[in-house]
Amino acid sequence: MTSPLSQHAQHAPLIIDVAGLSLSKAERTRLKHPLTGGIILFGRNWQDRQQLGTLCAEIKSVRKDLLICVDHEGGRVQRFRSDGFTQLPPMRALGQNWIKDQLAATNAATACGYVLGAELRACGVDLSFTPVLDLDYGESSVIGDRAFGRDPRVVTLLAKSLMHGLLQSGMANCGKHFPGHGFVKADSHTDIPVDKRSLKAILLDDAAPYQWLNTTLTSVMPAHVIYPKVDARPAGFSSQWLNFILRSQLGFGGAIFSDDLSMAGARLIDGKQVSYSQAAVVALNAGCDMVLLCNQSVGEGKPIDELLDGMAEALLKGQWEALEASELRRLALLPQGRAPGWDELMVQPAYMHAMGLVS
């Protein structure tokens, strides 16, 4: 007999994490849940390439359609750094190359994107949450050298070149953090940043890359930042930002991920502290296709179970709607075609050529 949840759950919006180097029985059960759409990996899930490949294969053996994601940008945000993985430069280094030679910098950015995507795919990872499209105002410690630079035109062209490399490797992309996290000093992991600029100022500057890249971006992650001149809610919980501005005004048609719901900036909605499942419902109703809950699997993983139960109950009560369009956007992020294994990749001419350009 089909369960009531299975009849409603045509959309798997939840991206969760796992505790260690392999799956526990409880984690396998969570991955089989019809609302689970993917996994985000962290440094604690890494021992070496063989272990990573085995873990990814284990995840896919539970459900082939699960999207395996990671924050792997280069510089200080790179989860896998040893056992053959290339230590990629921070994006600021590509921006500095631009000052010396613009066309060489775009070529190097494409090489970085290809190496990044090809190495991850060789181990079974589907998607990296990259590139960062935030502008570097020199104020934000959490963004800093993760940004290509201050000029939105330079950021756009270097990001487009990086995404070209990802595409060559068969990987989708994720522009973040819409409409821009670089202007505020506060870190949304621990605080709730507030950007008091006008909508006009933000659209002319920080958000401009999203419009210029609306034919290239396959997914976007909004910032846990409040822009009070536009909406009292953080961007990831704001239909004004996601549906009216990002989709309607800037022409973006891909998938929207919430940023991590465990971050301090994520669960203060309309001045009230809310649960993970309540925050997820608000994010989905605001226009997100998928929501992330990170670093909650360590121990018994009770917060993840509570999120799955809470989201299932909310779906059955009609508090959010499982959208076929959202599910199609999720599935579109899965790589198309076979990825070469590591040893095969190492001798491919395209990979060896790209490695010569990565510095």
Protein backbone atom coordinates (compact mmCIF):
# COMPACT_ATOMS: atom_id res chain seq x y z
CA MET A 1 0.00 0.00 0.00
CA THR A 2 1.26 3.50 -0.86
CA SER A 3 1.74 5.75 2.16
CA PRO A 4 0.00 9.16 2.28
CA LEU A 5 3.45 10.82 2.29
CA SER A 6 4.56 8.98 -0.87
CA GLN A 7 1.47 10.25 -2.68
CA HIS A 8 2.30 13.84 -1.73
CA ALA A 9 6.10 13.73 -1.95
CA GLN A 10 6.76 14.35 -5.65
CA HIS A 11 9.56 16.69 -4.58
CA ALA A 12 12.64 15.83 -2.48
CA PRO A 13 13.83 19.21 -1.14
CA LEU A 14 16.02 18.29 1.85
CA ILE A 15 19.83 18.26 1.63
CA ILE A 16 21.26 16.68 4.80
CA ASP A 17 24.65 15.45 6.01
CA VAL A 18 26.18 12.26 7.37
CA ALA A 19 28.44 11.84 10.37
CA GLY A 20 31.50 9.98 9.19
CA LEU A 21 33.39 7.97 6.59
CA SER A 22 30.58 5.50 5.81
CA LEU A 23 26.83 5.27 6.28
CA SER A 24 25.19 4.03 9.45
CA LYS A 25 21.92 2.11 9.38
CA ALA A 26 20.05 5.22 10.59
CA GLU A 27 21.63 7.32 7.83
CA ARG A 28 20.59 4.83 5.18
CA THR A 29 17.02 5.13 6.48
CA ARG A 30 17.21 8.93 6.26
CA LEU A 31 18.51 8.77 2.69
CA LYS A 32 15.58 6.53 1.70
CA HIS A 33 13.09 9.09 3.04
CA PRO A 34 11.05 10.49 0.11
CA LEU A 35 11.75 14.09 1.18
CA THR A 36 15.54 13.65 1.13
CA GLY A 37 17.01 14.97 -2.09
CA GLY A 38 20.72 14.95 -1.41
CA ILE A 39 23.78 14.95 0.83
CA ILE A 40 26.35 17.64 1.62
CA LEU A 41 29.82 16.35 2.50
CA PHE A 42 32.34 17.90 4.91
CA GLY A 43 35.96 17.38 5.90
CA ARG A 44 34.91 14.78 8.48
CA ASN A 45 33.62 12.61 5.60
CA TRP A 46 37.10 12.50 4.05
CA GLN A 47 39.95 10.10 4.72
CA ASP A 48 41.34 9.51 1.25
CA ARG A 49 40.14 9.19 -2.34
CA GLN A 50 39.28 5.52 -2.09
CA GLN A 51 37.15 6.06 1.01
CA LEU A 52 35.41 9.07 -0.57
CA GLY A 53 34.61 7.09 -3.72
CA THR A 54 33.27 4.21 -1.62
CA LEU A 55 31.08 6.57 0.44
CA CYS A 56 29.64 8.21 -2.69
CA ALA A 57 28.93 4.79 -4.23
CA GLU A 58 27.27 3.75 -0.97
CA ILE A 59 25.02 6.83 -1.09
CA LYS A 60 24.06 6.14 -4.72
CA SER A 61 23.32 2.49 -3.88
CA VAL A 62 20.58 3.75 -1.56
CA ARG A 63 19.09 6.04 -4.24
CA LYS A 64 20.68 6.89 -7.58
CA ASP A 65 18.90 10.24 -7.78
CA LEU A 66 20.43 11.64 -4.56
CA LEU A 67 22.50 14.75 -5.27
CA ILE A 68 25.94 14.55 -3.61
CA CYS A 69 27.16 18.10 -2.87
CA VAL A 70 30.14 19.77 -1.24
CA ASP A 71 31.54 23.26 -0.57
CA HIS A 72 34.74 22.99 -2.63
CA GLU A 73 35.65 26.44 -3.95
CA GLY A 74 39.44 26.61 -3.71
CA GLY A 75 41.49 28.57 -1.18
CA ARG A 76 40.35 28.17 2.41
CA VAL A 77 37.02 26.57 1.45
CA GLN A 78 38.11 23.23 0.01
CA ARG A 79 37.03 20.06 1.78
CA PHE A 80 39.44 17.62 0.11
CA ARG A 81 43.10 18.69 -0.09
CA SER A 82 45.27 15.59 0.04
CA ASP A 83 45.79 12.22 -1.70
CA GLY A 84 46.11 13.80 -5.14
CA PHE A 85 43.49 16.54 -4.93
CA THR A 86 44.79 19.79 -6.39
CA GLN A 87 44.98 22.62 -3.87
CA LEU A 88 43.11 25.24 -5.85
CA PRO A 89 43.84 28.97 -5.43
CA PRO A 90 41.36 31.31 -3.76
CA MET A 91 39.21 33.19 -6.26
CA ARG A 92 40.94 36.44 -5.32
CA ALA A 93 44.09 35.07 -6.99
CA LEU A 94 42.18 34.83 -10.28
CA GLY A 95 41.02 38.41 -9.79
CA GLN A 96 44.63 39.50 -9.28
CA ASN A 97 45.58 37.67 -12.48
CA TRP A 98 42.93 39.74 -14.26
CA ILE A 99 44.82 42.93 -13.41
CA LYS A 100 47.93 41.53 -15.16
CA ASP A 101 46.30 39.86 -18.18
CA GLN A 102 42.53 39.72 -18.57
CA LEU A 103 42.32 36.98 -21.20
CA ALA A 104 44.91 34.79 -19.48
CA ALA A 105 42.92 35.17 -16.24
CA THR A 106 39.70 33.95 -17.85
CA ASN A 107 41.57 30.99 -19.34
CA ALA A 108 43.05 30.13 -15.92
CA ALA A 109 39.58 30.38 -14.37
CA THR A 110 38.24 27.85 -16.88
CA ALA A 111 41.15 25.53 -16.07
CA CYS A 112 40.39 25.86 -12.32
CA GLY A 113 36.74 25.04 -12.90
CA TYR A 114 37.60 22.00 -14.99
CA VAL A 115 40.13 20.61 -12.49
CA LEU A 116 37.74 21.29 -9.59
CA GLY A 117 34.81 19.55 -11.23
CA ALA A 118 36.74 16.68 -12.82
CA GLU A 119 38.51 15.68 -9.60
CA LEU A 120 35.28 15.71 -7.61
CA ARG A 121 33.37 13.77 -10.24
CA ALA A 122 36.15 11.16 -10.43
CA CYS A 123 35.34 10.40 -6.77
CA GLY A 124 31.56 10.40 -7.22
CA VAL A 125 30.65 13.94 -6.08
CA ASP A 126 27.92 15.56 -8.21
CA LEU A 127 27.97 19.28 -7.37
CA SER A 128 30.18 21.88 -5.70
CA PHE A 129 28.53 25.00 -4.31
CA THR A 130 30.65 27.38 -6.38
CA PRO A 131 31.30 30.06 -7.64
CA VAL A 132 31.11 32.85 -5.06
CA LEU A 133 29.61 35.91 -6.80
CA ASP A 134 29.92 38.20 -3.78
CA LEU A 135 31.90 41.40 -4.22
CA ASP A 136 35.01 42.04 -2.14
CA TYR A 137 34.54 45.33 -0.32
CA GLY A 138 37.41 44.51 2.04
CA GLU A 139 35.03 44.40 5.02
CA SER A 140 33.68 40.84 5.21
CA SER A 141 35.93 38.29 6.90
CA VAL A 142 33.63 35.41 5.91
CA ILE A 143 33.89 36.32 2.20
CA GLY A 144 37.32 37.94 1.88
CA ASP A 145 39.55 36.12 -0.61
CA ARG A 146 36.69 33.80 -1.61
CA ALA A 147 35.54 36.63 -3.93
CA PHE A 148 37.05 37.29 -7.36
CA GLY A 149 37.13 41.03 -6.71
CA ARG A 150 35.20 44.24 -6.22
CA ASP A 151 34.05 44.99 -9.80
CA PRO A 152 30.84 43.07 -10.66
CA ARG A 153 31.86 42.95 -14.34
CA VAL A 154 35.16 41.25 -13.50
CA VAL A 155 33.41 38.89 -11.07
CA THR A 156 30.90 37.98 -13.78
CA LEU A 157 33.47 37.20 -16.46
CA LEU A 158 35.74 35.19 -14.19
CA ALA A 159 32.78 33.29 -12.73
CA LYS A 160 31.48 32.55 -16.23
CA SER A 161 34.91 31.23 -17.19
CA LEU A 162 35.05 29.05 -14.06
CA MET A 163 31.56 27.71 -14.82
CA HIS A 164 32.68 26.91 -18.36
CA GLY A 165 35.35 24.66 -16.82
CA LEU A 166 32.79 23.03 -14.54
CA LEU A 167 30.59 22.40 -17.58
CA GLN A 168 33.51 20.76 -19.40
CA SER A 169 33.83 18.36 -16.46
CA GLY A 170 30.09 17.61 -16.57
CA MET A 171 29.25 19.50 -13.36
CA ALA A 172 26.53 22.09 -12.73
CA ASN A 173 27.21 25.26 -10.70
CA CYS A 174 25.84 27.34 -7.84
CA GLY A 175 26.21 31.11 -7.64
CA LYS A 176 26.22 32.46 -4.08
CA HIS A 177 25.22 34.35 -1.97
CA PHE A 178 22.34 36.21 -3.65
CA PRO A 179 21.94 39.19 -3.77
CA GLY A 180 25.36 39.73 -2.13
CA HIS A 181 27.08 39.02 1.19
CA GLY A 182 30.25 41.03 0.63
CA PHE A 183 29.08 44.45 1.88
CA VAL A 184 28.25 43.40 5.46
CA LYS A 185 30.89 42.69 8.11
CA ALA A 186 28.88 40.22 10.22
CA ASP A 187 29.19 36.49 9.57
CA SER A 188 25.77 34.88 9.07
CA HIS A 189 27.09 31.63 10.57
CA THR A 190 27.07 33.34 13.97
CA ASP A 191 25.13 36.62 13.51
CA ILE A 192 22.30 38.08 11.45
CA PRO A 193 23.91 40.59 9.08
CA VAL A 194 21.88 43.62 8.00
CA ASP A 195 22.59 45.47 4.75
CA LYS A 196 20.81 48.83 4.82
CA ARG A 197 21.45 49.84 1.21
CA SER A 198 18.64 50.56 -1.24
CA LEU A 199 17.39 47.99 -3.73
CA LYS A 200 18.65 50.21 -6.55
CA ALA A 201 22.19 50.22 -5.15
CA ILE A 202 22.22 46.45 -4.67
CA LEU A 203 20.87 45.73 -8.16
CA LEU A 204 23.40 48.05 -9.79
CA ASP A 205 26.31 46.41 -8.01
CA ASP A 206 26.15 43.18 -5.99
CA ALA A 207 23.20 41.55 -7.75
CA ALA A 208 24.29 42.51 -11.27
CA PRO A 209 26.20 39.24 -11.90
CA TYR A 210 23.01 37.24 -11.40
CA GLN A 211 21.31 39.01 -14.31
CA TRP A 212 24.39 38.88 -16.54
CA LEU A 213 24.73 35.14 -15.83
CA ASN A 214 21.06 34.16 -16.05
CA THR A 215 21.75 31.92 -19.08
CA THR A 216 24.72 30.23 -17.36
CA LEU A 217 23.83 29.73 -13.69
CA THR A 218 22.20 26.38 -12.97
CA SER A 219 21.58 27.07 -9.27
CA VAL A 220 21.76 29.91 -6.77
CA MET A 221 22.13 30.08 -2.99
CA PRO A 222 20.74 33.20 -1.28
CA ALA A 223 22.41 34.97 1.63
CA HIS A 224 21.25 34.76 5.24
CA VAL A 225 21.34 38.58 5.23
CA ILE A 226 18.48 41.00 5.90
CA TYR A 227 18.08 43.90 3.45
CA PRO A 228 15.47 45.98 5.32
CA LYS A 229 14.88 48.41 2.46
CA VAL A 230 13.49 45.43 0.50
CA ASP A 231 12.16 42.91 3.06
CA ALA A 232 12.32 42.33 6.82
CA ARG A 233 13.19 38.67 6.22
CA PRO A 234 16.62 37.35 5.15
CA ALA A 235 16.88 36.90 1.37
CA GLY A 236 16.54 33.10 1.54
CA PHE A 237 13.15 33.43 3.22
CA SER A 238 11.85 36.27 1.06
CA SER A 239 9.51 35.74 -1.89
CA GLN A 240 10.24 39.35 -2.84
CA TRP A 241 13.92 38.50 -3.33
CA LEU A 242 13.55 35.01 -4.77
CA ASN A 243 10.42 35.10 -6.90
CA PHE A 244 9.97 38.75 -7.82
CA ILE A 245 13.58 39.95 -8.06
CA LEU A 246 15.74 36.87 -8.82
CA ARG A 247 13.29 34.98 -11.02
CA SER A 248 11.03 37.65 -12.54
CA GLN A 249 13.30 40.70 -12.68
CA LEU A 250 16.73 39.11 -13.18
CA GLY A 251 15.50 36.20 -15.31
CA PHE A 252 16.96 33.27 -13.35
CA GLY A 253 15.33 29.92 -14.11
CA GLY A 254 17.47 27.36 -12.27
CA ALA A 255 17.33 25.79 -8.82
CA ILE A 256 17.45 27.78 -5.57
CA PHE A 257 19.07 26.27 -2.47
CA SER A 258 18.62 27.76 0.97
CA ASP A 259 21.86 28.29 2.83
CA ASP A 260 22.39 26.14 5.93
CA LEU A 261 19.33 26.25 8.22
CA SER A 262 21.56 25.68 11.26
CA MET A 263 23.26 29.06 10.80
CA ALA A 264 22.38 31.88 13.20
CA GLY A 265 20.96 33.97 10.36
CA ALA A 266 18.56 31.24 9.31
CA ARG A 267 16.02 30.72 12.05
CA LEU A 268 15.02 34.18 13.20
CA ILE A 269 11.92 34.76 11.09
CA ASP A 270 9.83 37.90 11.66
CA GLY A 271 11.61 38.43 14.98
CA LYS A 272 10.87 34.92 16.27
CA GLN A 273 13.18 31.94 16.75
CA VAL A 274 11.72 29.01 14.78
CA SER A 275 12.50 25.29 14.46
CA TYR A 276 14.43 23.79 11.55
CA SER A 277 11.25 22.44 9.97
CA GLN A 278 9.45 25.78 10.37
CA ALA A 279 12.41 27.56 8.75
CA ALA A 280 12.42 25.02 5.93
CA VAL A 281 8.71 25.56 5.27
CA VAL A 282 9.20 29.34 5.13
CA ALA A 283 12.16 28.94 2.74
CA LEU A 284 10.25 26.62 0.40
CA ASN A 285 7.17 28.84 0.41
CA ALA A 286 9.40 31.85 -0.35
CA GLY A 287 10.76 30.21 -3.50
CA CYS A 288 13.59 27.86 -2.53
CA ASP A 289 13.57 24.51 -4.31
CA MET A 290 15.86 22.82 -1.76
CA VAL A 291 16.90 23.49 1.83
CA LEU A 292 20.14 22.51 3.56
CA LEU A 293 20.58 21.39 7.14
CA CYS A 294 24.28 20.91 7.90
CA ASN A 295 26.37 19.44 10.73
CA GLN A 296 23.44 17.89 12.57
CA SER A 297 24.25 14.22 11.96
CA VAL A 298 27.05 13.96 14.54
CA GLY A 299 25.78 12.01 17.54
CA GLU A 300 22.42 10.41 16.92
CA GLY A 301 21.30 12.90 14.28
CA LYS A 302 18.10 13.73 16.13
CA PRO A 303 17.72 17.21 14.51
CA ILE A 304 17.67 15.58 11.06
CA ASP A 305 14.98 13.10 12.10
CA GLU A 306 12.96 15.96 13.59
CA LEU A 307 13.32 17.91 10.33
CA LEU A 308 12.19 14.95 8.22
CA ASP A 309 9.21 14.28 10.50
CA GLY A 310 8.30 17.97 10.74
CA MET A 311 8.49 18.48 6.99
CA ALA A 312 6.40 15.38 6.32
CA GLU A 313 3.73 16.54 8.77
CA ALA A 314 3.75 20.05 7.27
CA LEU A 315 3.37 18.61 3.75
CA LEU A 316 0.39 16.44 4.75
CA LYS A 317 -1.19 19.48 6.45
CA GLY A 318 -0.78 21.57 3.31
CA GLN A 319 1.67 24.02 4.90
CA TRP A 320 3.99 23.72 1.88
CA GLU A 321 3.50 22.28 -1.60
CA ALA A 322 5.67 19.65 -3.29
CA LEU A 323 6.31 21.22 -6.69
CA GLU A 324 7.15 19.19 -9.77
CA ALA A 325 9.08 22.17 -11.16
CA SER A 326 11.33 22.20 -8.09
CA GLU A 327 11.98 18.47 -8.41
CA LEU A 328 12.87 18.86 -12.09
CA ARG A 329 15.34 21.61 -11.17
CA ARG A 330 16.93 19.31 -8.57
CA LEU A 331 17.25 16.44 -11.02
CA ALA A 332 18.72 18.77 -13.66
CA LEU A 333 21.73 19.34 -11.37
CA LEU A 334 22.76 15.68 -11.53
CA PRO A 335 25.73 15.17 -13.88
CA GLN A 336 25.01 13.82 -17.34
CA GLY A 337 27.27 11.10 -18.70
CA ARG A 338 29.98 8.96 -17.19
CA ALA A 339 32.89 10.57 -15.34
CA PRO A 340 36.37 9.11 -15.87
CA GLY A 341 37.88 7.39 -12.86
CA TRP A 342 40.85 8.99 -11.12
CA ASP A 343 43.60 7.08 -12.92
CA GLU A 344 41.91 7.64 -16.28
CA LEU A 345 41.49 11.36 -15.52
CA MET A 346 45.16 11.81 -14.61
CA VAL A 347 46.31 10.94 -18.15
CA GLN A 348 43.64 12.79 -20.07
CA PRO A 349 45.20 15.54 -22.24
CA ALA A 350 42.52 18.08 -21.27
CA TYR A 351 43.18 17.52 -17.56
CA MET A 352 46.97 17.68 -17.93
CA HIS A 353 46.65 20.88 -19.97
CA ALA A 354 44.34 22.47 -17.38
CA MET A 355 46.72 21.53 -14.56
CA GLY A 356 49.44 23.54 -16.26
CA LEU A 357 47.26 26.67 -15.98
CA VAL A 358 46.16 26.26 -12.36
CA SER A 359 48.39 28.22 -9.97
